[in-house]
């Protein structure tokens, strides 16, 4: 049980960090990329992808 919670938390944290990194590296100056247009959207999208990855690994 505890390992599962840690896996989900790590998935959210790592995914959010990768989403923020993607926003900082690639970014979006035209507004045509809604998933990484702002840092919050990049973090949110990354966290969701990290959670989906963690659920698949469970």
PDB file of N, CA and C in Angstrom:
ATOM      1  N   UNK A   1       0.828  -1.190   0.000  1.00  0.00           N
ATOM      2  CA  UNK A   1       0.000   0.000   0.000  1.00  0.00           C
ATOM      3  C   UNK A   1       0.877   1.261   0.000  1.00  0.00           C
ATOM      4  N   UNK A   2       1.849   1.280   0.905  1.00  0.00           N
ATOM      5  CA  UNK A   2       2.718   2.448   1.006  1.00  0.00           C
ATOM      6  C   UNK A   2       3.562   2.626  -0.254  1.00  0.00           C
ATOM      7  N   UNK A   3       4.013   1.526  -0.840  1.00  0.00           N
ATOM      8  CA  UNK A   3       4.816   1.600  -2.062  1.00  0.00           C
ATOM      9  C   UNK A   3       3.991   2.144  -3.223  1.00  0.00           C
ATOM     10  N   UNK A   4       2.724   1.806  -3.262  1.00  0.00           N
ATOM     11  CA  UNK A   4       1.850   2.297  -4.327  1.00  0.00           C
ATOM     12  C   UNK A   4       1.660   3.804  -4.219  1.00  0.00           C
ATOM     13  N   UNK A   5       1.454   4.292  -3.008  1.00  0.00           N
ATOM     14  CA  UNK A   5       1.286   5.730  -2.803  1.00  0.00           C
ATOM     15  C   UNK A   5       2.563   6.466  -3.189  1.00  0.00           C
ATOM     16  N   UNK A   6       3.702   5.910  -2.815  1.00  0.00           N
ATOM     17  CA  UNK A   6       4.980   6.532  -3.167  1.00  0.00           C
ATOM     18  C   UNK A   6       5.159   6.534  -4.676  1.00  0.00           C
ATOM     19  N   UNK A   7       4.790   5.448  -5.351  1.00  0.00           N
ATOM     20  CA  UNK A   7       4.911   5.377  -6.811  1.00  0.00           C
ATOM     21  C   UNK A   7       4.032   6.425  -7.487  1.00  0.00           C
ATOM     22  N   UNK A   8       2.800   6.598  -6.996  1.00  0.00           N
ATOM     23  CA  UNK A   8       1.910   7.599  -7.581  1.00  0.00           C
ATOM     24  C   UNK A   8       2.432   9.007  -7.323  1.00  0.00           C
ATOM     25  N   UNK A   9       2.928   9.255  -6.115  1.00  0.00           N
ATOM     26  CA  UNK A   9       3.471  10.574  -5.786  1.00  0.00           C
ATOM     27  C   UNK A   9       4.692  10.888  -6.650  1.00  0.00           C
ATOM     28  N   UNK A  10       5.562   9.913  -6.810  1.00  0.00           N
ATOM     29  CA  UNK A  10       6.732  10.127  -7.660  1.00  0.00           C
ATOM     30  C   UNK A  10       6.334  10.346  -9.113  1.00  0.00           C
ATOM     31  N   UNK A  11       5.319   9.631  -9.567  1.00  0.00           N
ATOM     32  CA  UNK A  11       4.824   9.839 -10.927  1.00  0.00           C
ATOM     33  C   UNK A  11       4.325  11.261 -11.125  1.00  0.00           C
ATOM     34  N   UNK A  12       3.588  11.774 -10.131  1.00  0.00           N
ATOM     35  CA  UNK A  12       3.089  13.147 -10.222  1.00  0.00           C
ATOM     36  C   UNK A  12       4.226  14.161 -10.189  1.00  0.00           C
ATOM     37  N   UNK A  13       5.176  13.956  -9.276  1.00  0.00           N
ATOM     38  CA  UNK A  13       6.276  14.914  -9.125  1.00  0.00           C
ATOM     39  C   UNK A  13       7.184  14.910 -10.344  1.00  0.00           C
ATOM     40  N   UNK A  14       7.598  13.728 -10.764  1.00  0.00           N
ATOM     41  CA  UNK A  14       8.500  13.641 -11.921  1.00  0.00           C
ATOM     42  C   UNK A  14       7.790  14.119 -13.185  1.00  0.00           C
ATOM     43  N   UNK A  15       6.539  13.734 -13.363  1.00  0.00           N
ATOM     44  CA  UNK A  15       5.781  14.187 -14.530  1.00  0.00           C
ATOM     45  C   UNK A  15       5.603  15.696 -14.541  1.00  0.00           C
ATOM     46  N   UNK A  16       5.300  16.263 -13.385  1.00  0.00           N
ATOM     47  CA  UNK A  16       5.164  17.713 -13.300  1.00  0.00           C
ATOM     48  C   UNK A  16       6.464  18.428 -13.602  1.00  0.00           C
ATOM     49  N   UNK A  17       7.567  17.885 -13.099  1.00  0.00           N
ATOM     50  CA  UNK A  17       8.876  18.487 -13.369  1.00  0.00           C
ATOM     51  C   UNK A  17       9.216  18.400 -14.852  1.00  0.00           C
ATOM     52  N   UNK A  18       8.923  17.271 -15.463  1.00  0.00           N
ATOM     53  CA  UNK A  18       9.184  17.131 -16.901  1.00  0.00           C
ATOM     54  C   UNK A  18       8.287  18.058 -17.725  1.00  0.00           C
ATOM     55  N   UNK A  19       7.045  18.214 -17.302  1.00  0.00           N
ATOM     56  CA  UNK A  19       6.148  19.144 -17.992  1.00  0.00           C
ATOM     57  C   UNK A  19       6.633  20.578 -17.886  1.00  0.00           C
ATOM     58  N   UNK A  20       7.125  20.953 -16.711  1.00  0.00           N
ATOM     59  CA  UNK A  20       7.669  22.299 -16.542  1.00  0.00           C
ATOM     60  C   UNK A  20       8.937  22.465 -17.382  1.00  0.00           C
ATOM     61  N   UNK A  21       9.776  21.444 -17.382  1.00  0.00           N
ATOM     62  CA  UNK A  21      10.985  21.493 -18.197  1.00  0.00           C
ATOM     63  C   UNK A  21      10.658  21.613 -19.677  1.00  0.00           C
ATOM     64  N   UNK A  22       9.649  20.889 -20.113  1.00  0.00           N
ATOM     65  CA  UNK A  22       9.228  20.971 -21.515  1.00  0.00           C
ATOM     66  C   UNK A  22       8.769  22.391 -21.838  1.00  0.00           C
ATOM     67  N   UNK A  23       8.009  22.994 -20.919  1.00  0.00           N
ATOM     68  CA  UNK A  23       7.567  24.372 -21.132  1.00  0.00           C
ATOM     69  C   UNK A  23       8.761  25.311 -21.218  1.00  0.00           C
ATOM     70  N   UNK A  24       9.741  25.141 -20.348  1.00  0.00           N
ATOM     71  CA  UNK A  24      10.892  26.048 -20.339  1.00  0.00           C
ATOM     72  C   UNK A  24      11.775  25.857 -21.574  1.00  0.00           C
ATOM     73  N   UNK A  25      11.961  24.614 -22.007  1.00  0.00           N
ATOM     74  CA  UNK A  25      12.833  24.351 -23.145  1.00  0.00           C
ATOM     75  C   UNK A  25      12.169  24.669 -24.482  1.00  0.00           C
ATOM     76  N   UNK A  26      10.948  24.185 -24.651  1.00  0.00           N
ATOM     77  CA  UNK A  26      10.260  24.341 -25.929  1.00  0.00           C
ATOM     78  C   UNK A  26       9.392  25.595 -25.923  1.00  0.00           C
ATOM     79  N   UNK A  27       8.592  25.710 -24.860  1.00  0.00           N
ATOM     80  CA  UNK A  27       7.744  26.883 -24.717  1.00  0.00           C
ATOM     81  C   UNK A  27       6.729  27.024 -25.829  1.00  0.00           C
ATOM     82  N   UNK A  28       6.121  28.191 -25.855  1.00  0.00           N
ATOM     83  CA  UNK A  28       5.125  28.468 -26.875  1.00  0.00           C
ATOM     84  C   UNK A  28       4.980  29.973 -26.996  1.00  0.00           C
ATOM     85  N   UNK A  29       5.450  30.523 -28.073  1.00  0.00           N
ATOM     86  CA  UNK A  29       5.364  31.974 -28.259  1.00  0.00           C
ATOM     87  C   UNK A  29       4.162  32.380 -29.104  1.00  0.00           C
ATOM     88  N   UNK A  30       3.548  31.428 -29.789  1.00  0.00           N
ATOM     89  CA  UNK A  30       2.437  31.768 -30.673  1.00  0.00           C
ATOM     90  C   UNK A  30       1.076  31.491 -30.056  1.00  0.00           C
ATOM     91  N   UNK A  31       1.021  30.707 -28.994  1.00  0.00           N
ATOM     92  CA  UNK A  31      -0.256  30.337 -28.403  1.00  0.00           C
ATOM     93  C   UNK A  31      -0.909  29.164 -29.106  1.00  0.00           C
ATOM     94  N   UNK A  32      -0.213  28.552 -30.055  1.00  0.00           N
ATOM     95  CA  UNK A  32      -0.782  27.448 -30.822  1.00  0.00           C
ATOM     96  C   UNK A  32      -0.576  26.104 -30.135  1.00  0.00           C
ATOM     97  N   UNK A  33       0.082  26.096 -29.000  1.00  0.00           N
ATOM     98  CA  UNK A  33       0.317  24.836 -28.271  1.00  0.00           C
ATOM     99  C   UNK A  33      -0.312  24.955 -26.878  1.00  0.00           C
ATOM    100  N   UNK A  34      -1.570  24.602 -26.745  1.00  0.00           N
ATOM    101  CA  UNK A  34      -2.289  24.857 -25.498  1.00  0.00           C
ATOM    102  C   UNK A  34      -1.793  24.050 -24.296  1.00  0.00           C
ATOM    103  N   UNK A  35      -1.109  22.938 -24.513  1.00  0.00           N
ATOM    104  CA  UNK A  35      -0.682  22.126 -23.372  1.00  0.00           C
ATOM    105  C   UNK A  35       0.532  22.690 -22.658  1.00  0.00           C
ATOM    106  N   UNK A  36       1.352  23.453 -23.341  1.00  0.00           N
ATOM    107  CA  UNK A  36       2.543  24.016 -22.713  1.00  0.00           C
ATOM    108  C   UNK A  36       2.609  25.529 -22.851  1.00  0.00           C
ATOM    109  N   UNK A  37       1.482  26.182 -23.052  1.00  0.00           N
ATOM    110  CA  UNK A  37       1.477  27.630 -23.251  1.00  0.00           C
ATOM    111  C   UNK A  37       1.889  28.372 -21.985  1.00  0.00           C
ATOM    112  N   UNK A  38       1.521  27.864 -20.820  1.00  0.00           N
ATOM    113  CA  UNK A  38       1.904  28.483 -19.554  1.00  0.00           C
ATOM    114  C   UNK A  38       2.597  27.434 -18.688  1.00  0.00           C
ATOM    115  N   UNK A  39       3.379  27.873 -17.696  1.00  0.00           N
ATOM    116  CA  UNK A  39       4.040  26.895 -16.823  1.00  0.00           C
ATOM    117  C   UNK A  39       3.046  25.994 -16.096  1.00  0.00           C
ATOM    118  N   UNK A  40       1.930  26.554 -15.644  1.00  0.00           N
ATOM    119  CA  UNK A  40       0.941  25.751 -14.920  1.00  0.00           C
ATOM    120  C   UNK A  40       0.350  24.661 -15.807  1.00  0.00           C
ATOM    121  N   UNK A  41       0.098  24.972 -17.056  1.00  0.00           N
ATOM    122  CA  UNK A  41      -0.426  23.955 -17.979  1.00  0.00           C
ATOM    123  C   UNK A  41       0.613  22.881 -18.252  1.00  0.00           C
ATOM    124  N   UNK A  42       1.868  23.268 -18.383  1.00  0.00           N
ATOM    125  CA  UNK A  42       2.923  22.283 -18.585  1.00  0.00           C
ATOM    126  C   UNK A  42       3.052  21.349 -17.400  1.00  0.00           C
ATOM    127  N   UNK A  43       3.003  21.917 -16.194  1.00  0.00           N
ATOM    128  CA  UNK A  43       3.087  21.102 -14.980  1.00  0.00           C
ATOM    129  C   UNK A  43       1.881  20.179 -14.874  1.00  0.00           C
ATOM    130  N   UNK A  44       0.695  20.716 -15.140  1.00  0.00           N
ATOM    131  CA  UNK A  44      -0.527  19.903 -15.050  1.00  0.00           C
ATOM    132  C   UNK A  44      -0.504  18.753 -16.043  1.00  0.00           C
ATOM    133  N   UNK A  45      -0.156  19.059 -17.273  1.00  0.00           N
ATOM    134  CA  UNK A  45      -0.107  18.026 -18.304  1.00  0.00           C
ATOM    135  C   UNK A  45       0.940  16.964 -17.955  1.00  0.00           C
ATOM    136  N   UNK A  46       2.095  17.404 -17.518  1.00  0.00           N
ATOM    137  CA  UNK A  46       3.146  16.463 -17.133  1.00  0.00           C
ATOM    138  C   UNK A  46       2.747  15.601 -15.950  1.00  0.00           C
ATOM    139  N   UNK A  47       2.070  16.205 -14.969  1.00  0.00           N
ATOM    140  CA  UNK A  47       1.632  15.443 -13.797  1.00  0.00           C
ATOM    141  C   UNK A  47       0.610  14.377 -14.179  1.00  0.00           C
ATOM    142  N   UNK A  48      -0.303  14.729 -15.058  1.00  0.00           N
ATOM    143  CA  UNK A  48      -1.307  13.749 -15.509  1.00  0.00           C
ATOM    144  C   UNK A  48      -0.622  12.607 -16.270  1.00  0.00           C
ATOM    145  N   UNK A  49       0.319  12.943 -17.136  1.00  0.00           N
ATOM    146  CA  UNK A  49       1.046  11.895 -17.871  1.00  0.00           C
ATOM    147  C   UNK A  49       1.869  11.024 -16.914  1.00  0.00           C
ATOM    148  N   UNK A  50       2.476  11.636 -15.903  1.00  0.00           N
ATOM    149  CA  UNK A  50       3.222  10.869 -14.908  1.00  0.00           C
ATOM    150  C   UNK A  50       2.319   9.946 -14.107  1.00  0.00           C
ATOM    151  N   UNK A  51       1.125  10.417 -13.767  1.00  0.00           N
ATOM    152  CA  UNK A  51       0.177   9.579 -13.038  1.00  0.00           C
ATOM    153  C   UNK A  51      -0.302   8.422 -13.900  1.00  0.00           C
ATOM    154  N   UNK A  52      -0.563   8.676 -15.163  1.00  0.00           N
ATOM    155  CA  UNK A  52      -0.972   7.602 -16.068  1.00  0.00           C
ATOM    156  C   UNK A  52       0.149   6.569 -16.189  1.00  0.00           C
ATOM    157  N   UNK A  53       1.390   7.028 -16.271  1.00  0.00           N
ATOM    158  CA  UNK A  53       2.532   6.104 -16.335  1.00  0.00           C
ATOM    159  C   UNK A  53       2.617   5.281 -15.052  1.00  0.00           C
ATOM    160  N   UNK A  54       2.431   5.935 -13.898  1.00  0.00           N
ATOM    161  CA  UNK A  54       2.506   5.222 -12.622  1.00  0.00           C
ATOM    162  C   UNK A  54       1.369   4.207 -12.497  1.00  0.00           C
ATOM    163  N   UNK A  55       0.196   4.546 -12.984  1.00  0.00           N
ATOM    164  CA  UNK A  55      -0.922   3.600 -12.945  1.00  0.00           C
ATOM    165  C   UNK A  55      -0.652   2.391 -13.842  1.00  0.00           C
ATOM    166  N   UNK A  56      -0.001   2.621 -14.942  1.00  0.00           N
ATOM    167  CA  UNK A  56       0.334   1.516 -15.836  1.00  0.00           C
ATOM    168  C   UNK A  56       1.381   0.592 -15.268  1.00  0.00           C
ATOM    169  N   UNK A  57       2.231   1.115 -14.400  1.00  0.00           N
ATOM    170  CA  UNK A  57       3.299   0.331 -13.791  1.00  0.00           C
ATOM    171  C   UNK A  57       2.831  -0.404 -12.549  1.00  0.00           C
ATOM    172  N   UNK A  58       1.631  -0.074 -12.042  1.00  0.00           N
ATOM    173  CA  UNK A  58       1.156  -0.669 -10.787  1.00  0.00           C
ATOM    174  C   UNK A  58       0.697  -2.048 -10.953  1.00  0.00           C
TER     175      UNK A  58
END
